[in-house]
Amino acid sequence: MKLKTKVFEAKQFTATEWSTPEDKAEFANHLIQFIEQGYPVTLFNKKFYVRLSRTFGHIAHYNQVGFWSVWFSNDSGKQDFIHNIMNCGCYGSPAFTYSDVEHAIQSYLRDCRGVSKFEQIDLI
């Protein structure tokens, strides 16, 4: 699926041994689109789930269905998801982790308040 939201560019990110800056930008843009569109299951594909479950301190919750159930099956879970993103420490070197992506997404959400239309929590 071609993403409509292009907030991030590859030049903002550092390559890892396993991911290119383009991979990181693609994930970041996908996550923003996923949030802005209200967490549609159609955007929650396997590739996205695998990467998301490895960022922002998430755990896999056994499988893709379990992850979905915990975070996106109700409004409380969606609010908890945003809280988790905004409160993540984003540890590690960008050359080995997605910490640069995590920081960029946090900044975007703080600056643009891109999630405010979907939930009414105060972003940190």
C-alpha atoms as a PDB file:
ATOM      1  CA  MET A   1       0.000   0.000   0.000  1.00  0.00           C
ATOM      2  CA  LYS A   2       1.397   3.382  -1.007  1.00  0.00           C
ATOM      3  CA  LEU A   3       1.511   5.781   1.893  1.00  0.00           C
ATOM      4  CA  LYS A   4      -0.062   9.209   1.611  1.00  0.00           C
ATOM      5  CA  THR A   5       1.717  10.787   4.562  1.00  0.00           C
ATOM      6  CA  LYS A   6       5.385  11.579   3.914  1.00  0.00           C
ATOM      7  CA  VAL A   7       6.608  13.297   7.035  1.00  0.00           C
ATOM      8  CA  PHE A   8      10.060  11.741   7.198  1.00  0.00           C
ATOM      9  CA  GLU A   9      12.876  11.354   4.686  1.00  0.00           C
ATOM     10  CA  ALA A  10      15.693   8.819   4.607  1.00  0.00           C
ATOM     11  CA  LYS A  11      18.337  11.539   5.086  1.00  0.00           C
ATOM     12  CA  GLN A  12      17.024  12.038   8.641  1.00  0.00           C
ATOM     13  CA  PHE A  13      18.045   8.531   9.707  1.00  0.00           C
ATOM     14  CA  THR A  14      21.160   6.446  10.235  1.00  0.00           C
ATOM     15  CA  ALA A  15      21.596   3.062   8.599  1.00  0.00           C
ATOM     16  CA  THR A  16      21.953  -0.041  10.732  1.00  0.00           C
ATOM     17  CA  GLU A  17      23.458  -3.359   9.712  1.00  0.00           C
ATOM     18  CA  TRP A  18      19.917  -4.596   9.034  1.00  0.00           C
ATOM     19  CA  SER A  19      18.026  -1.480   7.905  1.00  0.00           C
ATOM     20  CA  THR A  20      18.689   1.326   5.458  1.00  0.00           C
ATOM     21  CA  PRO A  21      17.727   4.932   6.140  1.00  0.00           C
ATOM     22  CA  GLU A  22      14.986   4.361   3.553  1.00  0.00           C
ATOM     23  CA  ASP A  23      13.652   1.431   5.609  1.00  0.00           C
ATOM     24  CA  LYS A  24      13.554   3.627   8.679  1.00  0.00           C
ATOM     25  CA  ALA A  25      11.755   6.455   6.868  1.00  0.00           C
ATOM     26  CA  GLU A  26       9.243   4.011   5.397  1.00  0.00           C
ATOM     27  CA  PHE A  27       8.442   2.642   8.856  1.00  0.00           C
ATOM     28  CA  ALA A  28       8.177   6.112  10.426  1.00  0.00           C
ATOM     29  CA  ASN A  29       5.846   7.336   7.683  1.00  0.00           C
ATOM     30  CA  HIS A  30       3.767   4.171   7.922  1.00  0.00           C
ATOM     31  CA  LEU A  31       3.384   4.605  11.688  1.00  0.00           C
ATOM     32  CA  ILE A  32       2.270   8.227  11.315  1.00  0.00           C
ATOM     33  CA  GLN A  33      -0.250   7.266   8.644  1.00  0.00           C
ATOM     34  CA  PHE A  34      -1.489   4.406  10.833  1.00  0.00           C
ATOM     35  CA  ILE A  35      -2.069   6.799  13.737  1.00  0.00           C
ATOM     36  CA  GLU A  36      -3.555   9.604  11.634  1.00  0.00           C
ATOM     37  CA  GLN A  37      -6.006   7.237   9.950  1.00  0.00           C
ATOM     38  CA  GLY A  38      -7.270   5.904  13.272  1.00  0.00           C
ATOM     39  CA  TYR A  39      -5.307   2.629  13.465  1.00  0.00           C
ATOM     40  CA  PRO A  40      -6.926   0.775  10.545  1.00  0.00           C
ATOM     41  CA  VAL A  41      -6.355  -2.969  10.505  1.00  0.00           C
ATOM     42  CA  THR A  42      -5.613  -2.679   6.765  1.00  0.00           C
ATOM     43  CA  LEU A  43      -2.353  -0.883   7.607  1.00  0.00           C
ATOM     44  CA  PHE A  44      -1.393  -3.354  10.333  1.00  0.00           C
ATOM     45  CA  ASN A  45       0.450  -5.800   8.087  1.00  0.00           C
ATOM     46  CA  LYS A  46       3.059  -8.354   9.154  1.00  0.00           C
ATOM     47  CA  LYS A  47       6.071  -6.224   8.162  1.00  0.00           C
ATOM     48  CA  PHE A  48       4.743  -3.235  10.109  1.00  0.00           C
ATOM     49  CA  TYR A  49       3.843  -5.360  13.141  1.00  0.00           C
ATOM     50  CA  VAL A  50       7.319  -6.956  13.304  1.00  0.00           C
ATOM     51  CA  ARG A  51       9.087  -3.579  13.271  1.00  0.00           C
ATOM     52  CA  LEU A  52       6.588  -1.896  15.609  1.00  0.00           C
ATOM     53  CA  SER A  53       6.910  -4.710  18.127  1.00  0.00           C
ATOM     54  CA  ARG A  54      10.648  -3.942  18.268  1.00  0.00           C
ATOM     55  CA  THR A  55      10.355  -0.208  18.898  1.00  0.00           C
ATOM     56  CA  PHE A  56       9.208   2.044  21.733  1.00  0.00           C
ATOM     57  CA  GLY A  57       9.869  -0.680  24.292  1.00  0.00           C
ATOM     58  CA  HIS A  58       7.077  -2.856  22.906  1.00  0.00           C
ATOM     59  CA  ILE A  59       6.977  -6.590  23.170  1.00  0.00           C
ATOM     60  CA  ALA A  60       5.473  -8.920  20.606  1.00  0.00           C
ATOM     61  CA  HIS A  61       2.542 -10.098  22.780  1.00  0.00           C
ATOM     62  CA  TYR A  62       3.014 -13.594  21.341  1.00  0.00           C
ATOM     63  CA  ASN A  63       1.834 -12.713  17.825  1.00  0.00           C
ATOM     64  CA  GLN A  64       0.336 -10.060  15.567  1.00  0.00           C
ATOM     65  CA  VAL A  65      -3.236 -10.708  16.751  1.00  0.00           C
ATOM     66  CA  GLY A  66      -2.210 -10.437  20.406  1.00  0.00           C
ATOM     67  CA  PHE A  67      -0.363  -7.179  19.778  1.00  0.00           C
ATOM     68  CA  TRP A  68      -3.413  -5.769  17.962  1.00  0.00           C
ATOM     69  CA  SER A  69      -5.715  -6.868  20.757  1.00  0.00           C
ATOM     70  CA  VAL A  70      -3.637  -5.177  23.466  1.00  0.00           C
ATOM     71  CA  TRP A  71      -3.084  -1.838  21.713  1.00  0.00           C
ATOM     72  CA  PHE A  72      -5.800  -1.228  19.105  1.00  0.00           C
ATOM     73  CA  SER A  73      -8.977  -3.125  19.980  1.00  0.00           C
ATOM     74  CA  ASN A  74     -10.381  -0.321  22.150  1.00  0.00           C
ATOM     75  CA  ASP A  75      -9.960   3.375  22.922  1.00  0.00           C
ATOM     76  CA  SER A  76      -8.121   2.746  26.181  1.00  0.00           C
ATOM     77  CA  GLY A  77      -5.509   0.638  24.393  1.00  0.00           C
ATOM     78  CA  LYS A  78      -5.061   3.332  21.740  1.00  0.00           C
ATOM     79  CA  GLN A  79      -4.471   5.955  24.424  1.00  0.00           C
ATOM     80  CA  ASP A  80      -2.013   3.628  26.158  1.00  0.00           C
ATOM     81  CA  PHE A  81      -0.234   3.146  22.813  1.00  0.00           C
ATOM     82  CA  ILE A  82       0.311   6.903  22.448  1.00  0.00           C
ATOM     83  CA  HIS A  83       1.393   7.215  26.084  1.00  0.00           C
ATOM     84  CA  ASN A  84       3.880   4.387  25.502  1.00  0.00           C
ATOM     85  CA  ILE A  85       5.325   6.107  22.441  1.00  0.00           C
ATOM     86  CA  MET A  86       5.603   9.463  24.165  1.00  0.00           C
ATOM     87  CA  ASN A  87       7.160   8.058  27.348  1.00  0.00           C
ATOM     88  CA  CYS A  88       9.668   5.735  25.689  1.00  0.00           C
ATOM     89  CA  GLY A  89      13.293   6.464  26.523  1.00  0.00           C
ATOM     90  CA  CYS A  90      14.437   5.686  22.955  1.00  0.00           C
ATOM     91  CA  TYR A  91      17.688   4.087  24.037  1.00  0.00           C
ATOM     92  CA  GLY A  92      20.592   2.904  21.943  1.00  0.00           C
ATOM     93  CA  SER A  93      22.687   4.114  19.073  1.00  0.00           C
ATOM     94  CA  PRO A  94      20.881   4.851  15.798  1.00  0.00           C
ATOM     95  CA  ALA A  95      23.549   2.748  14.089  1.00  0.00           C
ATOM     96  CA  PHE A  96      22.164  -0.300  15.897  1.00  0.00           C
ATOM     97  CA  THR A  97      18.556   0.590  16.782  1.00  0.00           C
ATOM     98  CA  TYR A  98      15.574   2.623  15.615  1.00  0.00           C
ATOM     99  CA  SER A  99      16.172   5.177  18.393  1.00  0.00           C
ATOM    100  CA  ASP A 100      16.525   7.960  15.815  1.00  0.00           C
ATOM    101  CA  VAL A 101      13.126   7.015  14.382  1.00  0.00           C
ATOM    102  CA  GLU A 102      11.601   6.877  17.853  1.00  0.00           C
ATOM    103  CA  HIS A 103      12.911  10.372  18.664  1.00  0.00           C
ATOM    104  CA  ALA A 104      11.664  11.739  15.314  1.00  0.00           C
ATOM    105  CA  ILE A 105       8.186  10.312  15.834  1.00  0.00           C
ATOM    106  CA  GLN A 106       8.005  11.689  19.378  1.00  0.00           C
ATOM    107  CA  SER A 107       9.039  15.122  18.107  1.00  0.00           C
ATOM    108  CA  TYR A 108       6.478  15.013  15.312  1.00  0.00           C
ATOM    109  CA  LEU A 109       3.683  14.075  17.693  1.00  0.00           C
ATOM    110  CA  ARG A 110       4.714  16.769  20.177  1.00  0.00           C
ATOM    111  CA  ASP A 111       5.140  19.493  17.558  1.00  0.00           C
ATOM    112  CA  CYS A 112       2.171  18.686  15.355  1.00  0.00           C
ATOM    113  CA  ARG A 113      -0.047  17.037  17.952  1.00  0.00           C
ATOM    114  CA  GLY A 114      -0.919  14.659  15.147  1.00  0.00           C
ATOM    115  CA  VAL A 115      -2.785  12.352  17.508  1.00  0.00           C
ATOM    116  CA  SER A 116      -4.978  14.928  19.201  1.00  0.00           C
ATOM    117  CA  LYS A 117      -7.844  14.382  16.780  1.00  0.00           C
ATOM    118  CA  PHE A 118      -8.009  10.708  17.807  1.00  0.00           C
ATOM    119  CA  GLU A 119      -7.706  10.996  21.542  1.00  0.00           C
ATOM    120  CA  GLN A 120      -7.829  13.654  24.183  1.00  0.00           C
ATOM    121  CA  ILE A 121      -4.774  12.907  26.317  1.00  0.00           C
ATOM    122  CA  ASP A 122      -2.135  15.514  27.000  1.00  0.00           C
ATOM    123  CA  LEU A 123       1.089  14.645  25.229  1.00  0.00           C
ATOM    124  CA  ILE A 124       4.193  15.078  27.318  1.00  0.00           C
END
